């Protein structure tokens, strides 16, 4: 319990959701004495600092400013770099930043990732090394790295649906050749994109969402009650291989008629094929939502992020099959960068967890600060 509270306090301060002990008490729901004890421990350990401040600068109400001066909480600056790699079916992207979510370098190139894990990861490693070099960084200074792959992941091992010889059973952390001190987080691109978009929403009223990437194929990720849900075999939210009636297209998984194949063809087709793909996606989402009951559906990828007609066709089809009409639809706020930024956020969390030497149980908790109960 104490380890979880420590992590929550640091997470809230890190994301700027809590500036004072009063903020922490309100957001976490603990007594002021319990919060004060945790803060005092973190300050004594050199992880947090407190500075006397005039809260009127931050719009704090008059009642809160009465009495002794308030102190503002800050994370103590910590050296090191955080990296992220996003491997799509047709691209490799990398990002580099510091421990405070400040991305300073980002690059993206076209690449056929499916054909070879070794080639794709070697390219990503080279791009990351170039980014470090541009900022006088060293590999030894890389505290954590998030890796997004377009396949299901179980225990950091890639387990594609169907036959993908270049990736089946691959452990990206083993191929990257990073120092042992660098924490490597590997996850499915749709799960990481869902997380990235969930953090971007910044609305405490949104506790659960479905993310769907549509472009070169289709994938899905779920955030339920503030946590990513991947399922036992890493395929939760993978709607791409749901069969579409009447579709005779061959899918990359080896079967015919999958939603993935229909959306892939639509991304290179005309407006009518895009609308048809949107209707199919909306129909499938209506069935998924009856189980998940989300607050929000986020549409990403080349079609979801950039084609308003696709978003409209998905929404219209969804509402014909799911009569409650309570779910909001939106294009991805991060556009094509959702998986990359989700990977970077997860890596940043892991970098802080490693620096703070938190317990393994607290590291695996995927908590968004804005989702905490008031």
Protein backbone atom coordinates (compact mmCIF):
# COMPACT_ATOMS: atom_id res chain seq x y z
CA UNK A 1 0.00 0.00 0.00
CA UNK A 2 2.77 2.43 0.94
CA UNK A 3 4.64 1.70 -2.31
CA UNK A 4 1.49 2.34 -4.33
CA UNK A 5 0.88 5.63 -2.49
CA UNK A 6 4.45 6.74 -3.15
CA UNK A 7 4.08 5.97 -6.84
CA UNK A 8 0.75 7.79 -7.02
CA UNK A 9 2.17 10.89 -5.32
CA UNK A 10 5.13 11.01 -7.69
CA UNK A 11 2.88 10.39 -10.70
CA UNK A 12 0.53 13.24 -9.77
CA UNK A 13 3.39 15.68 -9.22
CA UNK A 14 5.16 14.46 -12.37
CA UNK A 15 2.11 15.11 -14.56
CA UNK A 16 1.41 18.48 -12.94
CA UNK A 17 -1.93 17.38 -11.50
CA UNK A 18 -0.85 18.10 -7.92
CA UNK A 19 1.13 21.13 -6.82
CA UNK A 20 0.52 21.01 -3.07
CA UNK A 21 -0.16 18.55 -0.28
CA UNK A 22 -3.76 19.74 -0.31
CA UNK A 23 -4.01 18.71 -3.99
CA UNK A 24 -2.63 15.28 -3.16
CA UNK A 25 -5.05 14.75 -0.29
CA UNK A 26 -8.00 15.73 -2.50
CA UNK A 27 -6.98 13.57 -5.48
CA UNK A 28 -5.84 10.46 -3.62
CA UNK A 29 -8.47 10.53 -0.91
CA UNK A 30 -6.03 10.08 1.99
CA UNK A 31 -5.84 12.13 5.17
CA UNK A 32 -3.54 15.13 5.27
CA UNK A 33 -1.36 13.42 7.85
CA UNK A 34 -0.89 10.36 5.63
CA UNK A 35 -0.02 12.55 2.65
CA UNK A 36 2.33 14.65 4.79
CA UNK A 37 4.19 11.55 5.95
CA UNK A 38 4.63 10.26 2.39
CA UNK A 39 5.77 13.65 1.11
CA UNK A 40 8.22 14.02 3.98
CA UNK A 41 9.75 10.62 3.17
CA UNK A 42 10.11 11.48 -0.52
CA UNK A 43 11.67 14.85 0.31
CA UNK A 44 14.11 13.20 2.73
CA UNK A 45 15.09 10.72 0.00
CA UNK A 46 15.80 13.52 -2.43
CA UNK A 47 12.97 12.66 -4.82
CA UNK A 48 10.66 15.61 -4.13
CA UNK A 49 11.33 19.21 -3.18
CA UNK A 50 9.07 21.84 -1.63
CA UNK A 51 9.22 25.55 -2.42
CA UNK A 52 7.31 28.38 -0.76
CA UNK A 53 5.08 29.92 -3.42
CA UNK A 54 2.32 32.45 -3.88
CA UNK A 55 -0.57 30.26 -4.99
CA UNK A 56 -2.48 33.32 -6.22
CA UNK A 57 -0.29 33.07 -9.31
CA UNK A 58 -2.00 29.75 -10.07
CA UNK A 59 -5.56 30.95 -9.52
CA UNK A 60 -5.95 29.26 -6.13
CA UNK A 61 -8.99 30.50 -4.24
CA UNK A 62 -8.71 32.94 -1.33
CA UNK A 63 -9.78 30.42 1.30
CA UNK A 64 -6.94 28.07 0.40
CA UNK A 65 -4.39 30.91 0.71
CA UNK A 66 -5.26 31.68 4.33
CA UNK A 67 -2.88 30.72 7.09
CA UNK A 68 0.77 29.86 6.64
CA UNK A 69 2.35 30.13 3.17
CA UNK A 70 1.78 27.11 0.96
CA UNK A 71 4.58 25.13 -0.59
CA UNK A 72 4.72 23.85 -4.12
CA UNK A 73 5.87 20.31 -4.80
CA UNK A 74 8.33 19.50 -7.57
CA UNK A 75 10.22 16.45 -8.68
CA UNK A 76 13.94 16.78 -8.11
CA UNK A 77 15.66 16.99 -11.53
CA UNK A 78 17.01 13.60 -12.53
CA UNK A 79 19.62 13.01 -15.24
CA UNK A 80 19.21 10.60 -18.10
CA UNK A 81 17.33 10.04 -21.34
CA UNK A 82 14.13 8.23 -22.27
CA UNK A 83 13.52 6.74 -25.71
CA UNK A 84 10.66 5.29 -27.72
CA UNK A 85 10.45 3.16 -30.86
CA UNK A 86 7.30 2.66 -32.92
CA UNK A 87 7.38 -0.12 -35.50
CA UNK A 88 4.39 -0.08 -37.84
CA UNK A 89 3.87 -2.47 -40.73
CA UNK A 90 5.38 0.16 -43.06
CA UNK A 91 7.36 2.57 -40.90
CA UNK A 92 9.94 2.95 -38.13
CA UNK A 93 9.72 5.96 -35.81
CA UNK A 94 11.80 6.99 -32.81
CA UNK A 95 11.58 9.67 -30.14
CA UNK A 96 14.07 10.84 -27.53
CA UNK A 97 13.46 13.00 -24.50
CA UNK A 98 14.28 13.68 -20.89
CA UNK A 99 12.75 12.38 -17.68
CA UNK A 100 10.08 15.10 -17.65
CA UNK A 101 8.18 14.18 -20.84
CA UNK A 102 10.14 16.75 -22.84
CA UNK A 103 10.64 15.12 -26.25
CA UNK A 104 13.60 16.78 -27.96
CA UNK A 105 14.06 14.61 -31.05
CA UNK A 106 11.72 12.66 -33.30
CA UNK A 107 12.19 10.89 -36.64
CA UNK A 108 10.13 8.61 -38.92
CA UNK A 109 11.07 6.66 -42.07
CA UNK A 110 9.24 4.27 -44.35
CA UNK A 111 10.20 0.59 -43.89
CA UNK A 112 8.60 -2.83 -44.47
CA UNK A 113 8.81 -3.99 -40.88
CA UNK A 114 7.05 -7.35 -41.30
CA UNK A 115 9.84 -8.96 -43.33
CA UNK A 116 12.50 -8.97 -40.59
CA UNK A 117 12.57 -8.11 -36.91
CA UNK A 118 16.36 -7.89 -36.93
CA UNK A 119 16.45 -5.40 -39.80
CA UNK A 120 13.68 -3.23 -38.36
CA UNK A 121 15.17 -3.13 -34.87
CA UNK A 122 18.68 -2.50 -36.25
CA UNK A 123 17.32 0.51 -38.13
CA UNK A 124 15.50 1.75 -35.03
CA UNK A 125 18.63 1.31 -32.94
CA UNK A 126 20.64 3.33 -35.48
CA UNK A 127 18.02 6.11 -35.53
CA UNK A 128 18.00 6.24 -31.74
CA UNK A 129 21.81 6.39 -31.62
CA UNK A 130 21.74 9.28 -34.10
CA UNK A 131 19.22 11.12 -31.91
CA UNK A 132 21.40 10.63 -28.83
CA UNK A 133 24.42 11.84 -30.77
CA UNK A 134 22.63 15.04 -31.83
CA UNK A 135 22.12 15.87 -28.14
CA UNK A 136 25.47 14.73 -26.78
CA UNK A 137 23.87 11.70 -25.15
CA UNK A 138 25.29 8.23 -24.67
CA UNK A 139 23.65 4.81 -24.72
CA UNK A 140 24.66 4.40 -21.10
CA UNK A 141 22.50 7.43 -20.24
CA UNK A 142 19.33 5.85 -21.64
CA UNK A 143 17.21 5.06 -18.57
CA UNK A 144 14.27 3.40 -20.34
CA UNK A 145 13.00 2.58 -23.81
CA UNK A 146 9.44 1.88 -24.92
CA UNK A 147 9.00 -0.33 -27.99
CA UNK A 148 5.76 -0.51 -29.96
CA UNK A 149 5.26 -3.44 -32.37
CA UNK A 150 2.27 -4.17 -34.67
CA UNK A 151 1.70 -7.65 -33.22
CA UNK A 152 0.37 -9.11 -29.97
CA UNK A 153 2.95 -9.22 -27.16
CA UNK A 154 2.97 -11.59 -24.19
CA UNK A 155 5.69 -11.32 -21.54
CA UNK A 156 7.78 -9.07 -23.82
CA UNK A 157 7.68 -11.73 -26.56
CA UNK A 158 6.05 -11.09 -29.95
CA UNK A 159 3.32 -13.58 -30.81
CA UNK A 160 1.77 -12.65 -34.19
CA UNK A 161 -1.65 -13.82 -35.31
CA UNK A 162 -1.01 -16.14 -38.26
CA UNK A 163 2.39 -16.79 -39.80
CA UNK A 164 4.88 -13.94 -39.67
CA UNK A 165 8.25 -15.77 -39.85
CA UNK A 166 10.31 -12.65 -39.30
CA UNK A 167 8.67 -11.93 -35.95
CA UNK A 168 7.20 -15.02 -34.31
CA UNK A 169 8.76 -15.51 -30.86
CA UNK A 170 11.02 -12.45 -31.12
CA UNK A 171 12.07 -10.63 -27.95
CA UNK A 172 12.96 -7.09 -29.08
CA UNK A 173 14.88 -6.35 -25.88
CA UNK A 174 17.33 -9.14 -26.78
CA UNK A 175 18.01 -7.69 -30.25
CA UNK A 176 18.52 -4.06 -29.30
CA UNK A 177 21.79 -4.62 -27.43
CA UNK A 178 21.13 -1.98 -24.81
CA UNK A 179 22.93 -1.74 -21.44
CA UNK A 180 21.45 -3.91 -18.70
CA UNK A 181 20.58 -0.77 -16.74
CA UNK A 182 18.17 0.36 -19.47
CA UNK A 183 14.61 -0.77 -18.80
CA UNK A 184 12.88 -1.95 -22.00
CA UNK A 185 9.09 -2.01 -22.25
CA UNK A 186 7.63 -3.87 -25.25
CA UNK A 187 3.93 -3.77 -26.08
CA UNK A 188 1.46 -3.93 -28.92
CA UNK A 189 1.15 -0.69 -30.90
CA UNK A 190 -2.62 -0.42 -30.45
CA UNK A 191 -2.35 -0.87 -26.68
CA UNK A 192 0.33 1.81 -26.49
CA UNK A 193 -1.67 4.10 -28.79
CA UNK A 194 -4.73 3.63 -26.59
CA UNK A 195 -2.64 4.61 -23.58
CA UNK A 196 -1.16 7.62 -25.36
CA UNK A 197 -4.60 8.88 -26.34
CA UNK A 198 -6.00 8.19 -22.88
CA UNK A 199 -3.33 10.38 -21.30
CA UNK A 200 -3.99 13.09 -23.88
CA UNK A 201 -7.72 13.21 -23.12
CA UNK A 202 -6.98 14.77 -19.70
CA UNK A 203 -10.64 14.47 -18.68
CA UNK A 204 -11.37 12.77 -15.33
CA UNK A 205 -14.79 11.83 -16.71
CA UNK A 206 -13.22 9.54 -19.30
CA UNK A 207 -12.31 6.31 -17.52
CA UNK A 208 -12.58 3.84 -20.39
CA UNK A 209 -11.98 4.09 -24.11
CA UNK A 210 -11.60 1.99 -27.22
CA UNK A 211 -8.82 2.92 -29.63
CA UNK A 212 -8.96 1.72 -33.23
CA UNK A 213 -6.12 2.21 -35.70
CA UNK A 214 -7.24 2.04 -39.32
CA UNK A 215 -4.92 2.40 -42.28
CA UNK A 216 -2.50 -0.31 -43.27
CA UNK A 217 -4.73 -2.83 -41.52
CA UNK A 218 -6.76 -2.33 -38.40
CA UNK A 219 -5.96 -2.88 -34.73
CA UNK A 220 -7.57 -2.04 -31.43
CA UNK A 221 -6.66 -1.30 -27.84
CA UNK A 222 -8.71 -1.02 -24.67
CA UNK A 223 -8.35 1.17 -21.61
CA UNK A 224 -10.75 0.10 -18.88
CA UNK A 225 -11.10 2.08 -15.66
CA UNK A 226 -7.79 3.83 -16.22
CA UNK A 227 -5.71 0.77 -17.12
CA UNK A 228 -4.73 -0.85 -20.40
CA UNK A 229 -6.36 -4.27 -20.78
CA UNK A 230 -4.34 -6.58 -23.04
CA UNK A 231 -5.94 -9.91 -22.22
CA UNK A 232 -4.30 -13.24 -21.39
CA UNK A 233 -2.79 -13.71 -24.84
CA UNK A 234 -2.20 -10.07 -25.73
CA UNK A 235 -5.03 -9.87 -28.27
CA UNK A 236 -7.71 -7.96 -26.39
CA UNK A 237 -9.14 -5.33 -28.72
CA UNK A 238 -7.69 -6.99 -31.84
CA UNK A 239 -10.72 -6.58 -34.07
CA UNK A 240 -8.73 -6.85 -37.29
CA UNK A 241 -9.40 -10.54 -37.79
CA UNK A 242 -13.14 -10.48 -37.27
CA UNK A 243 -14.73 -11.87 -40.49
CA UNK A 244 -16.69 -9.42 -42.64
CA UNK A 245 -19.68 -10.94 -44.52
CA UNK A 246 -19.15 -10.80 -48.29
CA UNK A 247 -15.45 -9.91 -48.09
CA UNK A 248 -13.22 -12.19 -50.19
CA UNK A 249 -9.92 -10.36 -49.71
CA UNK A 250 -6.94 -12.30 -48.43
CA UNK A 251 -5.57 -11.15 -45.07
CA UNK A 252 -1.97 -11.06 -43.92
CA UNK A 253 -2.90 -13.71 -41.34
CA UNK A 254 -3.52 -16.20 -44.18
CA UNK A 255 -7.31 -16.25 -44.04
CA UNK A 256 -9.81 -14.46 -46.24
CA UNK A 257 -12.51 -11.96 -45.37
CA UNK A 258 -10.90 -10.30 -42.33
CA UNK A 259 -11.68 -6.72 -41.37
CA UNK A 260 -7.94 -6.05 -41.53
CA UNK A 261 -7.83 -6.92 -45.24
CA UNK A 262 -10.88 -4.78 -46.02
CA UNK A 263 -9.44 -1.71 -44.28
CA UNK A 264 -6.00 -2.19 -45.86
CA UNK A 265 -7.57 -2.22 -49.32
CA UNK A 266 -9.70 0.83 -48.50
CA UNK A 267 -6.67 2.88 -47.45
CA UNK A 268 -5.43 2.71 -51.04
CA UNK A 269 -8.90 2.98 -52.60
CA UNK A 270 -11.54 5.58 -53.36
CA UNK A 271 -14.07 7.33 -51.11
CA UNK A 272 -16.71 4.62 -51.52
CA UNK A 273 -14.34 1.89 -50.35
CA UNK A 274 -13.35 4.07 -47.38
CA UNK A 275 -17.00 4.48 -46.42
CA UNK A 276 -17.61 0.73 -46.79
CA UNK A 277 -14.65 -0.01 -44.53
CA UNK A 278 -15.92 2.55 -42.02
CA UNK A 279 -19.33 0.90 -41.94
CA UNK A 280 -17.73 -2.48 -41.28
CA UNK A 281 -15.57 -1.08 -38.48
CA UNK A 282 -18.58 0.64 -36.90
CA UNK A 283 -20.59 -2.60 -36.94
CA UNK A 284 -17.80 -4.50 -35.19
CA UNK A 285 -17.27 -1.70 -32.66
CA UNK A 286 -20.95 -1.75 -31.73
CA UNK A 287 -20.58 -5.39 -30.73
CA UNK A 288 -17.40 -4.75 -28.77
CA UNK A 289 -18.94 -1.79 -26.94
CA UNK A 290 -21.78 -3.90 -25.63
CA UNK A 291 -19.15 -5.67 -23.51
CA UNK A 292 -16.81 -2.76 -22.71
CA UNK A 293 -19.29 0.16 -22.37
CA UNK A 294 -16.63 2.87 -23.05
CA UNK A 295 -16.85 6.61 -22.54
CA UNK A 296 -15.03 7.35 -25.77
CA UNK A 297 -14.00 5.76 -29.09
CA UNK A 298 -10.79 7.14 -30.60
CA UNK A 299 -10.04 6.51 -34.28
CA UNK A 300 -6.38 6.63 -35.29
CA UNK A 301 -4.12 5.48 -38.09
CA UNK A 302 -4.00 6.99 -41.57
CA UNK A 303 -7.78 6.75 -42.06
CA UNK A 304 -8.97 7.41 -38.52
CA UNK A 305 -6.69 10.40 -37.98
CA UNK A 306 -6.85 12.04 -41.39
CA UNK A 307 -10.12 11.13 -43.13
CA UNK A 308 -13.25 12.78 -41.65
CA UNK A 309 -15.41 10.72 -44.00
CA UNK A 310 -14.11 7.52 -42.45
CA UNK A 311 -14.79 8.79 -38.92
CA UNK A 312 -18.35 9.76 -39.91
CA UNK A 313 -19.07 6.41 -41.54
CA UNK A 314 -17.78 4.53 -38.47
CA UNK A 315 -19.88 6.67 -36.12
CA UNK A 316 -23.04 6.39 -38.26
CA UNK A 317 -22.74 2.61 -38.57
CA UNK A 318 -22.01 2.26 -34.86
CA UNK A 319 -25.11 4.21 -33.87
CA UNK A 320 -27.34 2.13 -36.15
CA UNK A 321 -26.26 -1.03 -34.33
CA UNK A 322 -25.80 0.37 -30.81
CA UNK A 323 -28.95 2.37 -29.97
CA UNK A 324 -27.86 4.01 -26.69
CA UNK A 325 -25.90 6.72 -28.60
CA UNK A 326 -23.99 7.61 -25.45
CA UNK A 327 -20.46 7.02 -26.74
CA UNK A 328 -18.46 9.95 -28.14
CA UNK A 329 -16.27 9.52 -31.23
CA UNK A 330 -13.11 11.47 -32.00
CA UNK A 331 -10.10 11.32 -34.28
CA UNK A 332 -6.82 10.61 -32.48
CA UNK A 333 -5.42 13.75 -30.88
CA UNK A 334 -1.88 12.55 -31.55
CA UNK A 335 -2.59 11.48 -35.12
CA UNK A 336 -0.11 8.91 -36.42
CA UNK A 337 2.10 9.46 -33.36
CA UNK A 338 -0.22 7.80 -30.83
CA UNK A 339 1.80 4.55 -30.47
CA UNK A 340 5.12 6.42 -30.29
CA UNK A 341 3.91 8.80 -27.60
CA UNK A 342 2.24 6.00 -25.68
CA UNK A 343 5.54 4.11 -25.71
CA UNK A 344 7.41 7.23 -24.59
CA UNK A 345 4.99 7.83 -21.71
CA UNK A 346 5.29 4.22 -20.52
CA UNK A 347 9.07 4.41 -20.75
CA UNK A 348 9.09 7.64 -18.77
CA UNK A 349 7.03 6.01 -16.03
CA UNK A 350 9.44 3.07 -15.95
CA UNK A 351 12.45 5.38 -15.83
CA UNK A 352 11.06 7.16 -12.79
CA UNK A 353 10.07 3.86 -11.18
CA UNK A 354 13.61 2.57 -11.62
CA UNK A 355 15.08 5.79 -10.27
CA UNK A 356 12.80 5.62 -7.25
CA UNK A 357 13.43 1.88 -6.81
CA UNK A 358 9.73 1.13 -6.51
CA UNK A 359 8.46 -2.40 -6.11
CA UNK A 360 7.77 -4.52 -9.26
CA UNK A 361 4.06 -4.58 -8.42
CA UNK A 362 3.82 -0.80 -8.41
CA UNK A 363 5.73 -0.54 -11.69
CA UNK A 364 3.18 -2.61 -13.57
CA UNK A 365 0.26 -0.48 -12.50
CA UNK A 366 -0.71 1.73 -15.44
CA UNK A 367 -2.29 4.70 -13.73
CA UNK A 368 -3.27 7.98 -15.31
CA UNK A 369 -3.21 10.78 -12.76
CA UNK A 370 -6.32 12.49 -14.07
CA UNK A 371 -8.31 9.31 -13.58
CA UNK A 372 -7.89 9.31 -9.82
CA UNK A 373 -11.09 9.80 -7.83
CA UNK A 374 -11.62 13.32 -6.56
